[in-house]
Amino acid sequence: IAKNAGVEGSLIVEKIKSKKSTTFGYDAAKDEYTDMMERGITDPTKVTRSAIQNAASVAAMVLTTESLVTDIPQPEPAAAAPGGMGGMY
């Protein structure tokens, strides 16, 4: 959410973690830190549970798979040098 809002996510996380409150968070719409419960900003339990279950499922699959297939990016050749400035000395 922070990245989509155009801010550095690691800075947001550090500030939230330093507060020791379970309801303190970052309101991306207003670009400010706030008590999320007071503002009514909450995640539905089903969405959070589903995300955790899917992440655990993928992690288990990766751990039990003997090999993974990935797309290794090929190094791109350097761009050609620009042409001369004909007639300019």
PDB file of N, CA and C in Angstrom:
ATOM      1  N   ILE A   1       0.840  -1.188   0.000  1.00  0.00           N
ATOM      2  CA  ILE A   1       0.000   0.000   0.000  1.00  0.00           C
ATOM      3  C   ILE A   1       0.879   1.242   0.000  1.00  0.00           C
ATOM      4  N   ALA A   2       1.935   1.212   0.810  1.00  0.00           N
ATOM      5  CA  ALA A   2       2.827   2.370   0.881  1.00  0.00           C
ATOM      6  C   ALA A   2       3.486   2.624  -0.472  1.00  0.00           C
ATOM      7  N   LYS A   3       3.947   1.563  -1.116  1.00  0.00           N
ATOM      8  CA  LYS A   3       4.601   1.717  -2.418  1.00  0.00           C
ATOM      9  C   LYS A   3       3.627   2.294  -3.444  1.00  0.00           C
ATOM     10  N   ASN A   4       2.395   1.797  -3.437  1.00  0.00           N
ATOM     11  CA  ASN A   4       1.384   2.322  -4.356  1.00  0.00           C
ATOM     12  C   ASN A   4       1.052   3.775  -4.058  1.00  0.00           C
ATOM     13  N   ALA A   5       1.228   4.194  -2.796  1.00  0.00           N
ATOM     14  CA  ALA A   5       0.963   5.583  -2.412  1.00  0.00           C
ATOM     15  C   ALA A   5       2.155   6.482  -2.722  1.00  0.00           C
ATOM     16  N   GLY A   6       3.263   5.891  -3.174  1.00  0.00           N
ATOM     17  CA  GLY A   6       4.426   6.683  -3.553  1.00  0.00           C
ATOM     18  C   GLY A   6       5.351   7.021  -2.393  1.00  0.00           C
ATOM     19  N   VAL A   7       5.298   6.234  -1.322  1.00  0.00           N
ATOM     20  CA  VAL A   7       6.188   6.469  -0.183  1.00  0.00           C
ATOM     21  C   VAL A   7       7.041   5.227   0.054  1.00  0.00           C
ATOM     22  N   GLU A   8       8.125   5.394   0.795  1.00  0.00           N
ATOM     23  CA  GLU A   8       9.043   4.301   1.075  1.00  0.00           C
ATOM     24  C   GLU A   8       8.456   3.381   2.139  1.00  0.00           C
ATOM     25  N   GLY A   9       8.150   2.156   1.767  1.00  0.00           N
ATOM     26  CA  GLY A   9       7.501   1.208   2.658  1.00  0.00           C
ATOM     27  C   GLY A   9       8.296   0.873   3.900  1.00  0.00           C
ATOM     28  N   SER A  10       9.623   0.767   3.775  1.00  0.00           N
ATOM     29  CA  SER A  10      10.434   0.394   4.938  1.00  0.00           C
ATOM     30  C   SER A  10      10.384   1.463   6.021  1.00  0.00           C
ATOM     31  N   LEU A  11      10.299   2.717   5.631  1.00  0.00           N
ATOM     32  CA  LEU A  11      10.195   3.800   6.618  1.00  0.00           C
ATOM     33  C   LEU A  11       8.858   3.746   7.342  1.00  0.00           C
ATOM     34  N   ILE A  12       7.806   3.447   6.599  1.00  0.00           N
ATOM     35  CA  ILE A  12       6.468   3.338   7.186  1.00  0.00           C
ATOM     36  C   ILE A  12       6.450   2.198   8.203  1.00  0.00           C
ATOM     37  N   VAL A  13       6.998   1.053   7.818  1.00  0.00           N
ATOM     38  CA  VAL A  13       6.998  -0.118   8.698  1.00  0.00           C
ATOM     39  C   VAL A  13       7.778   0.168   9.981  1.00  0.00           C
ATOM     40  N   GLU A  14       8.939   0.803   9.863  1.00  0.00           N
ATOM     41  CA  GLU A  14       9.745   1.099  11.049  1.00  0.00           C
ATOM     42  C   GLU A  14       9.001   2.003  12.019  1.00  0.00           C
ATOM     43  N   LYS A  15       8.326   3.021  11.506  1.00  0.00           N
ATOM     44  CA  LYS A  15       7.594   3.931  12.387  1.00  0.00           C
ATOM     45  C   LYS A  15       6.431   3.207  13.066  1.00  0.00           C
ATOM     46  N   ILE A  16       5.731   2.365  12.328  1.00  0.00           N
ATOM     47  CA  ILE A  16       4.601   1.627  12.902  1.00  0.00           C
ATOM     48  C   ILE A  16       5.095   0.649  13.970  1.00  0.00           C
ATOM     49  N   LYS A  17       6.193  -0.057  13.691  1.00  0.00           N
ATOM     50  CA  LYS A  17       6.724  -1.020  14.654  1.00  0.00           C
ATOM     51  C   LYS A  17       7.215  -0.342  15.927  1.00  0.00           C
ATOM     52  N   SER A  18       7.682   0.892  15.826  1.00  0.00           N
ATOM     53  CA  SER A  18       8.210   1.589  17.002  1.00  0.00           C
ATOM     54  C   SER A  18       7.118   2.024  17.971  1.00  0.00           C
ATOM     55  N   LYS A  19       5.870   2.044  17.548  1.00  0.00           N
ATOM     56  CA  LYS A  19       4.771   2.539  18.383  1.00  0.00           C
ATOM     57  C   LYS A  19       4.225   1.521  19.373  1.00  0.00           C
ATOM     58  N   LYS A  20       4.475   0.251  19.219  1.00  0.00           N
ATOM     59  CA  LYS A  20       4.017  -0.789  20.152  1.00  0.00           C
ATOM     60  C   LYS A  20       2.502  -0.840  20.326  1.00  0.00           C
ATOM     61  N   SER A  21       1.758  -0.292  19.403  1.00  0.00           N
ATOM     62  CA  SER A  21       0.300  -0.337  19.452  1.00  0.00           C
ATOM     63  C   SER A  21      -0.186  -1.236  18.324  1.00  0.00           C
ATOM     64  N   THR A  22      -1.170  -2.074  18.609  1.00  0.00           N
ATOM     65  CA  THR A  22      -1.678  -2.976  17.573  1.00  0.00           C
ATOM     66  C   THR A  22      -2.648  -2.281  16.628  1.00  0.00           C
ATOM     67  N   THR A  23      -3.073  -1.065  16.952  1.00  0.00           N
ATOM     68  CA  THR A  23      -4.029  -0.365  16.090  1.00  0.00           C
ATOM     69  C   THR A  23      -3.410   0.839  15.390  1.00  0.00           C
ATOM     70  N   PHE A  24      -2.136   1.130  15.644  1.00  0.00           N
ATOM     71  CA  PHE A  24      -1.464   2.259  15.008  1.00  0.00           C
ATOM     72  C   PHE A  24      -1.065   1.869  13.593  1.00  0.00           C
ATOM     73  N   GLY A  25      -1.266   2.766  12.634  1.00  0.00           N
ATOM     74  CA  GLY A  25      -0.920   2.452  11.256  1.00  0.00           C
ATOM     75  C   GLY A  25      -0.798   3.686  10.393  1.00  0.00           C
ATOM     76  N   TYR A  26      -0.637   3.457   9.099  1.00  0.00           N
ATOM     77  CA  TYR A  26      -0.439   4.523   8.119  1.00  0.00           C
ATOM     78  C   TYR A  26      -1.673   4.629   7.240  1.00  0.00           C
ATOM     79  N   ASP A  27      -2.262   5.811   7.207  1.00  0.00           N
ATOM     80  CA  ASP A  27      -3.417   6.088   6.350  1.00  0.00           C
ATOM     81  C   ASP A  27      -2.884   6.663   5.045  1.00  0.00           C
ATOM     82  N   ALA A  28      -2.807   5.835   4.010  1.00  0.00           N
ATOM     83  CA  ALA A  28      -2.232   6.253   2.731  1.00  0.00           C
ATOM     84  C   ALA A  28      -3.087   7.313   2.043  1.00  0.00           C
ATOM     85  N   ALA A  29      -4.393   7.274   2.248  1.00  0.00           N
ATOM     86  CA  ALA A  29      -5.276   8.246   1.601  1.00  0.00           C
ATOM     87  C   ALA A  29      -5.014   9.662   2.106  1.00  0.00           C
ATOM     88  N   LYS A  30      -4.666   9.790   3.385  1.00  0.00           N
ATOM     89  CA  LYS A  30      -4.420  11.115   3.972  1.00  0.00           C
ATOM     90  C   LYS A  30      -2.940  11.370   4.218  1.00  0.00           C
ATOM     91  N   ASP A  31      -2.092  10.391   3.905  1.00  0.00           N
ATOM     92  CA  ASP A  31      -0.644  10.491   4.084  1.00  0.00           C
ATOM     93  C   ASP A  31      -0.282  10.876   5.516  1.00  0.00           C
ATOM     94  N   GLU A  32      -0.860  10.128   6.484  1.00  0.00           N
ATOM     95  CA  GLU A  32      -0.547  10.390   7.887  1.00  0.00           C
ATOM     96  C   GLU A  32      -0.677   9.119   8.713  1.00  0.00           C
ATOM     97  N   TYR A  33      -0.024   9.130   9.864  1.00  0.00           N
ATOM     98  CA  TYR A  33      -0.097   8.016  10.803  1.00  0.00           C
ATOM     99  C   TYR A  33      -1.269   8.266  11.739  1.00  0.00           C
ATOM    100  N   THR A  34      -1.970   7.185  12.094  1.00  0.00           N
ATOM    101  CA  THR A  34      -3.170   7.346  12.903  1.00  0.00           C
ATOM    102  C   THR A  34      -3.530   6.046  13.605  1.00  0.00           C
ATOM    103  N   ASP A  35      -4.500   6.120  14.493  1.00  0.00           N
ATOM    104  CA  ASP A  35      -5.081   4.922  15.096  1.00  0.00           C
ATOM    105  C   ASP A  35      -6.095   4.394  14.083  1.00  0.00           C
ATOM    106  N   MET A  36      -5.805   3.246  13.510  1.00  0.00           N
ATOM    107  CA  MET A  36      -6.621   2.714  12.421  1.00  0.00           C
ATOM    108  C   MET A  36      -8.037   2.356  12.870  1.00  0.00           C
ATOM    109  N   MET A  37      -8.194   1.891  14.104  1.00  0.00           N
ATOM    110  CA  MET A  37      -9.525   1.536  14.607  1.00  0.00           C
ATOM    111  C   MET A  37     -10.397   2.781  14.751  1.00  0.00           C
ATOM    112  N   GLU A  38      -9.814   3.873  15.247  1.00  0.00           N
ATOM    113  CA  GLU A  38     -10.584   5.112  15.391  1.00  0.00           C
ATOM    114  C   GLU A  38     -11.065   5.627  14.041  1.00  0.00           C
ATOM    115  N   ARG A  39     -10.244   5.457  13.009  1.00  0.00           N
ATOM    116  CA  ARG A  39     -10.602   5.912  11.662  1.00  0.00           C
ATOM    117  C   ARG A  39     -11.504   4.927  10.936  1.00  0.00           C
ATOM    118  N   GLY A  40     -11.660   3.730  11.474  1.00  0.00           N
ATOM    119  CA  GLY A  40     -12.493   2.725  10.814  1.00  0.00           C
ATOM    120  C   GLY A  40     -11.791   2.019   9.672  1.00  0.00           C
ATOM    121  N   ILE A  41     -10.467   2.018   9.697  1.00  0.00           N
ATOM    122  CA  ILE A  41      -9.683   1.360   8.652  1.00  0.00           C
ATOM    123  C   ILE A  41      -9.288  -0.017   9.178  1.00  0.00           C
ATOM    124  N   THR A  42      -9.972  -1.059   8.691  1.00  0.00           N
ATOM    125  CA  THR A  42      -9.694  -2.422   9.139  1.00  0.00           C
ATOM    126  C   THR A  42      -9.699  -3.373   7.949  1.00  0.00           C
ATOM    127  N   ASP A  43      -9.043  -4.504   8.112  1.00  0.00           N
ATOM    128  CA  ASP A  43      -9.074  -5.565   7.104  1.00  0.00           C
ATOM    129  C   ASP A  43     -10.146  -6.563   7.496  1.00  0.00           C
ATOM    130  N   PRO A  44     -10.975  -6.970   6.545  1.00  0.00           N
ATOM    131  CA  PRO A  44     -11.921  -8.040   6.864  1.00  0.00           C
ATOM    132  C   PRO A  44     -11.151  -9.318   7.219  1.00  0.00           C
ATOM    133  N   THR A  45     -11.609 -10.035   8.204  1.00  0.00           N
ATOM    134  CA  THR A  45     -10.927 -11.248   8.664  1.00  0.00           C
ATOM    135  C   THR A  45     -10.760 -12.259   7.543  1.00  0.00           C
ATOM    136  N   LYS A  46     -11.761 -12.385   6.691  1.00  0.00           N
ATOM    137  CA  LYS A  46     -11.695 -13.375   5.612  1.00  0.00           C
ATOM    138  C   LYS A  46     -10.545 -13.063   4.655  1.00  0.00           C
ATOM    139  N   VAL A  47     -10.329 -11.795   4.350  1.00  0.00           N
ATOM    140  CA  VAL A  47      -9.254 -11.407   3.432  1.00  0.00           C
ATOM    141  C   VAL A  47      -7.896 -11.715   4.055  1.00  0.00           C
ATOM    142  N   THR A  48      -7.720 -11.339   5.303  1.00  0.00           N
ATOM    143  CA  THR A  48      -6.453 -11.583   5.987  1.00  0.00           C
ATOM    144  C   THR A  48      -6.185 -13.080   6.121  1.00  0.00           C
ATOM    145  N   ARG A  49      -7.187 -13.837   6.524  1.00  0.00           N
ATOM    146  CA  ARG A  49      -7.034 -15.287   6.679  1.00  0.00           C
ATOM    147  C   ARG A  49      -6.694 -15.933   5.343  1.00  0.00           C
ATOM    148  N   SER A  50      -7.360 -15.515   4.283  1.00  0.00           N
ATOM    149  CA  SER A  50      -7.107 -16.069   2.956  1.00  0.00           C
ATOM    150  C   SER A  50      -5.680 -15.770   2.499  1.00  0.00           C
ATOM    151  N   ALA A  51      -5.202 -14.559   2.746  1.00  0.00           N
ATOM    152  CA  ALA A  51      -3.836 -14.193   2.353  1.00  0.00           C
ATOM    153  C   ALA A  51      -2.809 -15.041   3.091  1.00  0.00           C
ATOM    154  N   ILE A  52      -3.024 -15.251   4.381  1.00  0.00           N
ATOM    155  CA  ILE A  52      -2.095 -16.065   5.173  1.00  0.00           C
ATOM    156  C   ILE A  52      -2.129 -17.521   4.718  1.00  0.00           C
ATOM    157  N   GLN A  53      -3.316 -18.054   4.451  1.00  0.00           N
ATOM    158  CA  GLN A  53      -3.424 -19.440   3.991  1.00  0.00           C
ATOM    159  C   GLN A  53      -2.735 -19.623   2.643  1.00  0.00           C
ATOM    160  N   ASN A  54      -2.935 -18.689   1.730  1.00  0.00           N
ATOM    161  CA  ASN A  54      -2.306 -18.795   0.414  1.00  0.00           C
ATOM    162  C   ASN A  54      -0.788 -18.697   0.514  1.00  0.00           C
ATOM    163  N   ALA A  55      -0.295 -17.792   1.356  1.00  0.00           N
ATOM    164  CA  ALA A  55       1.151 -17.652   1.530  1.00  0.00           C
ATOM    165  C   ALA A  55       1.745 -18.929   2.117  1.00  0.00           C
ATOM    166  N   ALA A  56       1.077 -19.515   3.096  1.00  0.00           N
ATOM    167  CA  ALA A  56       1.558 -20.756   3.705  1.00  0.00           C
ATOM    168  C   ALA A  56       1.534 -21.896   2.694  1.00  0.00           C
ATOM    169  N   SER A  57       0.520 -21.937   1.862  1.00  0.00           N
ATOM    170  CA  SER A  57       0.413 -22.980   0.845  1.00  0.00           C
ATOM    171  C   SER A  57       1.562 -22.890  -0.156  1.00  0.00           C
ATOM    172  N   VAL A  58       1.865 -21.688  -0.607  1.00  0.00           N
ATOM    173  CA  VAL A  58       2.967 -21.497  -1.557  1.00  0.00           C
ATOM    174  C   VAL A  58       4.294 -21.848  -0.894  1.00  0.00           C
ATOM    175  N   ALA A  59       4.489 -21.420   0.351  1.00  0.00           N
ATOM    176  CA  ALA A  59       5.732 -21.728   1.060  1.00  0.00           C
ATOM    177  C   ALA A  59       5.910 -23.237   1.214  1.00  0.00           C
ATOM    178  N   ALA A  60       4.849 -23.945   1.560  1.00  0.00           N
ATOM    179  CA  ALA A  60       4.921 -25.399   1.707  1.00  0.00           C
ATOM    180  C   ALA A  60       5.244 -26.061   0.373  1.00  0.00           C
ATOM    181  N   MET A  61       4.664 -25.560  -0.698  1.00  0.00           N
ATOM    182  CA  MET A  61       4.923 -26.126  -2.019  1.00  0.00           C
ATOM    183  C   MET A  61       6.386 -25.922  -2.413  1.00  0.00           C
ATOM    184  N   VAL A  62       6.927 -24.742  -2.147  1.00  0.00           N
ATOM    185  CA  VAL A  62       8.322 -24.462  -2.486  1.00  0.00           C
ATOM    186  C   VAL A  62       9.254 -25.356  -1.667  1.00  0.00           C
ATOM    187  N   LEU A  63       8.933 -25.544  -0.392  1.00  0.00           N
ATOM    188  CA  LEU A  63       9.786 -26.366   0.473  1.00  0.00           C
ATOM    189  C   LEU A  63       9.783 -27.838   0.078  1.00  0.00           C
ATOM    190  N   THR A  64       8.683 -28.331  -0.466  1.00  0.00           N
ATOM    191  CA  THR A  64       8.589 -29.753  -0.798  1.00  0.00           C
ATOM    192  C   THR A  64       8.892 -30.054  -2.261  1.00  0.00           C
ATOM    193  N   THR A  65       9.113 -29.044  -3.056  1.00  0.00           N
ATOM    194  CA  THR A  65       9.416 -29.244  -4.471  1.00  0.00           C
ATOM    195  C   THR A  65      10.916 -29.461  -4.643  1.00  0.00           C
ATOM    196  N   GLU A  66      11.290 -30.416  -5.483  1.00  0.00           N
ATOM    197  CA  GLU A  66      12.704 -30.701  -5.693  1.00  0.00           C
ATOM    198  C   GLU A  66      13.373 -29.695  -6.612  1.00  0.00           C
ATOM    199  N   SER A  67      12.595 -29.026  -7.436  1.00  0.00           N
ATOM    200  CA  SER A  67      13.190 -28.022  -8.322  1.00  0.00           C
ATOM    201  C   SER A  67      12.149 -26.951  -8.633  1.00  0.00           C
ATOM    202  N   LEU A  68      12.646 -25.784  -8.962  1.00  0.00           N
ATOM    203  CA  LEU A  68      11.778 -24.668  -9.334  1.00  0.00           C
ATOM    204  C   LEU A  68      12.177 -24.175 -10.710  1.00  0.00           C
ATOM    205  N   VAL A  69      11.238 -23.665 -11.452  1.00  0.00           N
ATOM    206  CA  VAL A  69      11.499 -23.094 -12.764  1.00  0.00           C
ATOM    207  C   VAL A  69      11.347 -21.590 -12.645  1.00  0.00           C
ATOM    208  N   THR A  70      12.326 -20.884 -13.137  1.00  0.00           N
ATOM    209  CA  THR A  70      12.271 -19.425 -13.081  1.00  0.00           C
ATOM    210  C   THR A  70      12.761 -18.853 -14.396  1.00  0.00           C
ATOM    211  N   ASP A  71      12.443 -17.637 -14.640  1.00  0.00           N
ATOM    212  CA  ASP A  71      12.884 -16.946 -15.845  1.00  0.00           C
ATOM    213  C   ASP A  71      14.085 -16.095 -15.471  1.00  0.00           C
ATOM    214  N   ILE A  72      15.274 -16.533 -15.884  1.00  0.00           N
ATOM    215  CA  ILE A  72      16.491 -15.784 -15.581  1.00  0.00           C
ATOM    216  C   ILE A  72      16.662 -14.719 -16.658  1.00  0.00           C
ATOM    217  N   PRO A  73      16.673 -13.447 -16.267  1.00  0.00           N
ATOM    218  CA  PRO A  73      16.799 -12.387 -17.274  1.00  0.00           C
ATOM    219  C   PRO A  73      18.164 -12.442 -17.957  1.00  0.00           C
ATOM    220  N   GLN A  74      18.147 -12.277 -19.266  1.00  0.00           N
ATOM    221  CA  GLN A  74      19.375 -12.267 -20.049  1.00  0.00           C
ATOM    222  C   GLN A  74      19.981 -10.867 -20.006  1.00  0.00           C
ATOM    223  N   PRO A  75      21.309 -10.774 -19.901  1.00  0.00           N
ATOM    224  CA  PRO A  75      21.927  -9.443 -19.915  1.00  0.00           C
ATOM    225  C   PRO A  75      21.697  -8.780 -21.271  1.00  0.00           C
ATOM    226  N   GLU A  76      21.288  -7.539 -21.231  1.00  0.00           N
ATOM    227  CA  GLU A  76      21.026  -6.813 -22.472  1.00  0.00           C
ATOM    228  C   GLU A  76      22.304  -6.129 -22.933  1.00  0.00           C
ATOM    229  N   PRO A  77      22.537  -6.110 -24.255  1.00  0.00           N
ATOM    230  CA  PRO A  77      23.741  -5.437 -24.745  1.00  0.00           C
ATOM    231  C   PRO A  77      23.650  -3.933 -24.488  1.00  0.00           C
ATOM    232  N   ALA A  78      24.813  -3.315 -24.355  1.00  0.00           N
ATOM    233  CA  ALA A  78      24.853  -1.869 -24.120  1.00  0.00           C
ATOM    234  C   ALA A  78      24.281  -1.135 -25.326  1.00  0.00           C
ATOM    235  N   ALA A  79      23.681   0.006 -25.074  1.00  0.00           N
ATOM    236  CA  ALA A  79      23.112   0.807 -26.158  1.00  0.00           C
ATOM    237  C   ALA A  79      24.230   1.342 -27.044  1.00  0.00           C
ATOM    238  N   ALA A  80      23.926   1.483 -28.320  1.00  0.00           N
ATOM    239  CA  ALA A  80      24.909   2.004 -29.265  1.00  0.00           C
ATOM    240  C   ALA A  80      25.199   3.469 -28.965  1.00  0.00           C
ATOM    241  N   ALA A  81      26.418   3.881 -29.285  1.00  0.00           N
ATOM    242  CA  ALA A  81      26.798   5.282 -29.087  1.00  0.00           C
ATOM    243  C   ALA A  81      26.008   6.154 -30.056  1.00  0.00           C
ATOM    244  N   PRO A  82      25.674   7.383 -29.653  1.00  0.00           N
ATOM    245  CA  PRO A  82      24.927   8.260 -30.557  1.00  0.00           C
ATOM    246  C   PRO A  82      25.775   8.638 -31.768  1.00  0.00           C
ATOM    247  N   GLY A  83      25.100   8.953 -32.850  1.00  0.00           N
ATOM    248  CA  GLY A  83      25.787   9.345 -34.068  1.00  0.00           C
ATOM    249  C   GLY A  83      26.509  10.675 -33.915  1.00  0.00           C
ATOM    250  N   GLY A  84      27.393  10.970 -34.867  1.00  0.00           N
ATOM    251  CA  GLY A  84      28.143  12.225 -34.821  1.00  0.00           C
ATOM    252  C   GLY A  84      27.242  13.426 -35.057  1.00  0.00           C
ATOM    253  N   MET A  85      27.716  14.570 -34.689  1.00  0.00           N
ATOM    254  CA  MET A  85      26.963  15.810 -34.881  1.00  0.00           C
ATOM    255  C   MET A  85      27.438  16.422 -36.197  1.00  0.00           C
ATOM    256  N   GLY A  86      26.943  15.909 -37.286  1.00  0.00           N
ATOM    257  CA  GLY A  86      27.388  16.321 -38.610  1.00  0.00           C
ATOM    258  C   GLY A  86      27.446  17.838 -38.793  1.00  0.00           C
ATOM    259  N   GLY A  87      28.616  18.357 -39.196  1.00  0.00           N
ATOM    260  CA  GLY A  87      28.778  19.777 -39.469  1.00  0.00           C
ATOM    261  C   GLY A  87      29.079  20.617 -38.241  1.00  0.00           C
ATOM    262  N   MET A  88      29.057  20.062 -37.069  1.00  0.00           N
ATOM    263  CA  MET A  88      29.342  20.840 -35.854  1.00  0.00           C
ATOM    264  C   MET A  88      30.767  20.542 -35.402  1.00  0.00           C
ATOM    265  N   TYR A  89      31.576  21.579 -35.255  1.00  0.00           N
ATOM    266  CA  TYR A  89      32.983  21.390 -34.855  1.00  0.00           C
ATOM    267  C   TYR A  89      33.250  22.084 -33.572  1.00  0.00           C
TER     268      TYR A  89
END
